[in-house]
């Protein structure tokens, strides 16, 4: 959560206009259905990057000590999530806003079809 805050939420500006690119990005990133959809992708990427194989470990991936190397892996994954190119898509050239109001399953499928996958968060190209 600290990485999400540091890499994104601290940039929130309540005085910015509705067309401010950063505000548009943050609204898209943090709508409820968006969070529900990408949080599963994020969790799977973190479990994969940390080599968590046991089902209990995968169920509770953050109930452990993380050394600097592990924290850096997690930060890199969160950075890739926050910097995904579709968050900044112009309204006129993308259907992201229309898709973010769908049901969570549809939003997750749309994310995956546009390249926001576990593999991408782990470092693979889009």
C-alpha atoms as a PDB file:
ATOM      1  CA  UNK A   1       0.000   0.000   0.000  1.00  0.00           C
ATOM      2  CA  UNK A   2       2.884   2.349   0.701  1.00  0.00           C
ATOM      3  CA  UNK A   3       4.168   1.881  -2.836  1.00  0.00           C
ATOM      4  CA  UNK A   4       0.726   2.585  -4.300  1.00  0.00           C
ATOM      5  CA  UNK A   5       0.545   5.746  -2.238  1.00  0.00           C
ATOM      6  CA  UNK A   6       4.106   6.867  -3.004  1.00  0.00           C
ATOM      7  CA  UNK A   7       3.908   6.116  -6.718  1.00  0.00           C
ATOM      8  CA  UNK A   8       0.422   7.398  -7.413  1.00  0.00           C
ATOM      9  CA  UNK A   9      -1.896   8.754  -4.726  1.00  0.00           C
ATOM     10  CA  UNK A  10       0.529  11.369  -3.462  1.00  0.00           C
ATOM     11  CA  UNK A  11       0.091  13.029  -6.883  1.00  0.00           C
ATOM     12  CA  UNK A  12      -3.634  13.586  -6.324  1.00  0.00           C
ATOM     13  CA  UNK A  13      -4.531  17.255  -6.699  1.00  0.00           C
ATOM     14  CA  UNK A  14      -8.112  18.098  -5.697  1.00  0.00           C
ATOM     15  CA  UNK A  15      -7.736  21.485  -7.392  1.00  0.00           C
ATOM     16  CA  UNK A  16      -6.750  20.095 -10.783  1.00  0.00           C
ATOM     17  CA  UNK A  17      -9.294  20.343 -13.542  1.00  0.00           C
ATOM     18  CA  UNK A  18     -11.213  17.362 -14.909  1.00  0.00           C
ATOM     19  CA  UNK A  19      -8.952  17.219 -17.977  1.00  0.00           C
ATOM     20  CA  UNK A  20      -5.696  17.020 -16.022  1.00  0.00           C
ATOM     21  CA  UNK A  21      -3.886  13.894 -17.291  1.00  0.00           C
ATOM     22  CA  UNK A  22      -2.679  12.854 -13.844  1.00  0.00           C
ATOM     23  CA  UNK A  23      -6.158  13.145 -12.354  1.00  0.00           C
ATOM     24  CA  UNK A  24      -7.636  11.129 -15.223  1.00  0.00           C
ATOM     25  CA  UNK A  25      -4.982   8.436 -14.666  1.00  0.00           C
ATOM     26  CA  UNK A  26      -5.643   8.263 -10.923  1.00  0.00           C
ATOM     27  CA  UNK A  27      -9.419   8.162 -11.343  1.00  0.00           C
ATOM     28  CA  UNK A  28      -9.081   5.289 -13.791  1.00  0.00           C
ATOM     29  CA  UNK A  29      -6.592   3.449 -11.601  1.00  0.00           C
ATOM     30  CA  UNK A  30      -8.625   3.789  -8.420  1.00  0.00           C
ATOM     31  CA  UNK A  31     -12.242   3.308  -9.474  1.00  0.00           C
ATOM     32  CA  UNK A  32     -13.732   0.466  -7.438  1.00  0.00           C
ATOM     33  CA  UNK A  33     -14.095  -2.025 -10.287  1.00  0.00           C
ATOM     34  CA  UNK A  34     -10.674  -1.148 -11.612  1.00  0.00           C
ATOM     35  CA  UNK A  35      -9.084  -1.859  -8.226  1.00  0.00           C
ATOM     36  CA  UNK A  36     -10.977  -5.127  -7.872  1.00  0.00           C
ATOM     37  CA  UNK A  37      -9.795  -6.219 -11.316  1.00  0.00           C
ATOM     38  CA  UNK A  38      -6.136  -5.211 -11.159  1.00  0.00           C
ATOM     39  CA  UNK A  39      -5.620  -6.229  -7.519  1.00  0.00           C
ATOM     40  CA  UNK A  40      -5.910  -9.897  -8.494  1.00  0.00           C
ATOM     41  CA  UNK A  41      -3.431  -9.418 -11.333  1.00  0.00           C
ATOM     42  CA  UNK A  42      -1.099  -7.543  -8.969  1.00  0.00           C
ATOM     43  CA  UNK A  43      -1.303 -10.230  -6.281  1.00  0.00           C
ATOM     44  CA  UNK A  44      -0.505 -12.992  -8.786  1.00  0.00           C
ATOM     45  CA  UNK A  45       2.446 -11.027 -10.145  1.00  0.00           C
ATOM     46  CA  UNK A  46       3.845 -10.461  -6.658  1.00  0.00           C
ATOM     47  CA  UNK A  47       3.407 -14.127  -5.731  1.00  0.00           C
ATOM     48  CA  UNK A  48       5.161 -15.131  -8.934  1.00  0.00           C
ATOM     49  CA  UNK A  49       8.033 -12.669  -8.531  1.00  0.00           C
ATOM     50  CA  UNK A  50       8.568 -13.781  -4.928  1.00  0.00           C
ATOM     51  CA  UNK A  51       8.432 -17.470  -5.965  1.00  0.00           C
ATOM     52  CA  UNK A  52       5.557 -18.243  -3.587  1.00  0.00           C
ATOM     53  CA  UNK A  53       4.460 -21.777  -4.442  1.00  0.00           C
ATOM     54  CA  UNK A  54       2.607 -22.956  -1.352  1.00  0.00           C
ATOM     55  CA  UNK A  55      -1.147 -22.284  -1.461  1.00  0.00           C
ATOM     56  CA  UNK A  56      -1.112 -20.771   2.051  1.00  0.00           C
ATOM     57  CA  UNK A  57       1.788 -18.495   1.101  1.00  0.00           C
ATOM     58  CA  UNK A  58      -0.107 -17.411  -2.024  1.00  0.00           C
ATOM     59  CA  UNK A  59      -3.267 -16.790   0.011  1.00  0.00           C
ATOM     60  CA  UNK A  60      -1.432 -14.460   2.402  1.00  0.00           C
ATOM     61  CA  UNK A  61       1.604 -13.165   0.490  1.00  0.00           C
ATOM     62  CA  UNK A  62       2.184 -10.143   2.717  1.00  0.00           C
ATOM     63  CA  UNK A  63       2.257 -11.996   6.038  1.00  0.00           C
ATOM     64  CA  UNK A  64       6.028 -12.340   6.047  1.00  0.00           C
ATOM     65  CA  UNK A  65       9.252 -10.427   6.348  1.00  0.00           C
ATOM     66  CA  UNK A  66      10.526  -8.807   3.156  1.00  0.00           C
ATOM     67  CA  UNK A  67      14.180  -7.997   2.724  1.00  0.00           C
ATOM     68  CA  UNK A  68      15.299  -5.100   0.537  1.00  0.00           C
ATOM     69  CA  UNK A  69      15.524  -7.337  -2.528  1.00  0.00           C
ATOM     70  CA  UNK A  70      11.924  -8.530  -2.099  1.00  0.00           C
ATOM     71  CA  UNK A  71      10.658  -4.996  -1.433  1.00  0.00           C
ATOM     72  CA  UNK A  72      12.377  -3.813  -4.601  1.00  0.00           C
ATOM     73  CA  UNK A  73      10.681  -6.594  -6.601  1.00  0.00           C
ATOM     74  CA  UNK A  74       7.296  -5.549  -5.230  1.00  0.00           C
ATOM     75  CA  UNK A  75       7.986  -1.876  -5.919  1.00  0.00           C
ATOM     76  CA  UNK A  76       8.929  -2.628  -9.534  1.00  0.00           C
ATOM     77  CA  UNK A  77       5.663  -4.508 -10.043  1.00  0.00           C
ATOM     78  CA  UNK A  78       3.615  -1.670  -8.559  1.00  0.00           C
ATOM     79  CA  UNK A  79       5.520   0.829 -10.735  1.00  0.00           C
ATOM     80  CA  UNK A  80       4.601  -1.137 -13.845  1.00  0.00           C
ATOM     81  CA  UNK A  81       0.953  -1.156 -12.749  1.00  0.00           C
ATOM     82  CA  UNK A  82       0.886   2.589 -12.071  1.00  0.00           C
ATOM     83  CA  UNK A  83       2.717   3.377 -15.313  1.00  0.00           C
ATOM     84  CA  UNK A  84       0.611   1.157 -17.595  1.00  0.00           C
ATOM     85  CA  UNK A  85       0.068   3.156 -20.778  1.00  0.00           C
ATOM     86  CA  UNK A  86      -3.710   2.730 -20.885  1.00  0.00           C
ATOM     87  CA  UNK A  87      -4.242   4.825 -17.738  1.00  0.00           C
ATOM     88  CA  UNK A  88      -3.172   7.876 -19.773  1.00  0.00           C
ATOM     89  CA  UNK A  89      -5.074   7.038 -22.952  1.00  0.00           C
ATOM     90  CA  UNK A  90      -6.834  10.036 -24.473  1.00  0.00           C
ATOM     91  CA  UNK A  91     -10.582   9.813 -24.045  1.00  0.00           C
ATOM     92  CA  UNK A  92     -11.097  10.167 -27.767  1.00  0.00           C
ATOM     93  CA  UNK A  93      -8.760   7.274 -28.652  1.00  0.00           C
ATOM     94  CA  UNK A  94      -9.608   4.669 -26.038  1.00  0.00           C
ATOM     95  CA  UNK A  95     -12.549   2.796 -24.658  1.00  0.00           C
ATOM     96  CA  UNK A  96     -11.015   2.492 -21.178  1.00  0.00           C
ATOM     97  CA  UNK A  97     -13.604   4.671 -19.445  1.00  0.00           C
ATOM     98  CA  UNK A  98     -16.487   2.736 -20.983  1.00  0.00           C
ATOM     99  CA  UNK A  99     -14.900  -0.564 -19.927  1.00  0.00           C
ATOM    100  CA  UNK A 100     -14.196   0.517 -16.348  1.00  0.00           C
ATOM    101  CA  UNK A 101     -17.928   0.696 -15.636  1.00  0.00           C
ATOM    102  CA  UNK A 102     -18.538  -2.944 -16.576  1.00  0.00           C
ATOM    103  CA  UNK A 103     -18.639  -5.829 -14.151  1.00  0.00           C
ATOM    104  CA  UNK A 104     -15.350  -6.774 -12.489  1.00  0.00           C
ATOM    105  CA  UNK A 105     -14.837  -9.879 -14.597  1.00  0.00           C
ATOM    106  CA  UNK A 106     -15.282  -7.890 -17.808  1.00  0.00           C
ATOM    107  CA  UNK A 107     -12.911  -5.179 -16.570  1.00  0.00           C
ATOM    108  CA  UNK A 108     -10.262  -7.803 -15.752  1.00  0.00           C
ATOM    109  CA  UNK A 109     -10.678  -9.429 -19.145  1.00  0.00           C
ATOM    110  CA  UNK A 110     -10.409  -6.045 -20.834  1.00  0.00           C
ATOM    111  CA  UNK A 111      -7.217  -5.267 -18.869  1.00  0.00           C
ATOM    112  CA  UNK A 112      -5.691  -8.561 -19.967  1.00  0.00           C
ATOM    113  CA  UNK A 113      -6.687  -8.011 -23.596  1.00  0.00           C
ATOM    114  CA  UNK A 114      -4.902  -4.646 -23.505  1.00  0.00           C
ATOM    115  CA  UNK A 115      -1.708  -6.039 -21.967  1.00  0.00           C
ATOM    116  CA  UNK A 116      -2.199  -5.599 -18.223  1.00  0.00           C
ATOM    117  CA  UNK A 117      -1.272  -9.149 -17.299  1.00  0.00           C
ATOM    118  CA  UNK A 118       0.664 -10.904 -14.566  1.00  0.00           C
ATOM    119  CA  UNK A 119       3.513 -11.381 -17.026  1.00  0.00           C
ATOM    120  CA  UNK A 120       3.576  -7.703 -17.934  1.00  0.00           C
ATOM    121  CA  UNK A 121       3.693  -6.672 -14.265  1.00  0.00           C
ATOM    122  CA  UNK A 122       6.527  -9.139 -13.721  1.00  0.00           C
ATOM    123  CA  UNK A 123       8.572  -7.474 -16.460  1.00  0.00           C
ATOM    124  CA  UNK A 124       7.492  -8.933 -19.788  1.00  0.00           C
ATOM    125  CA  UNK A 125       6.881  -6.498 -22.638  1.00  0.00           C
ATOM    126  CA  UNK A 126       3.275  -5.611 -23.448  1.00  0.00           C
END
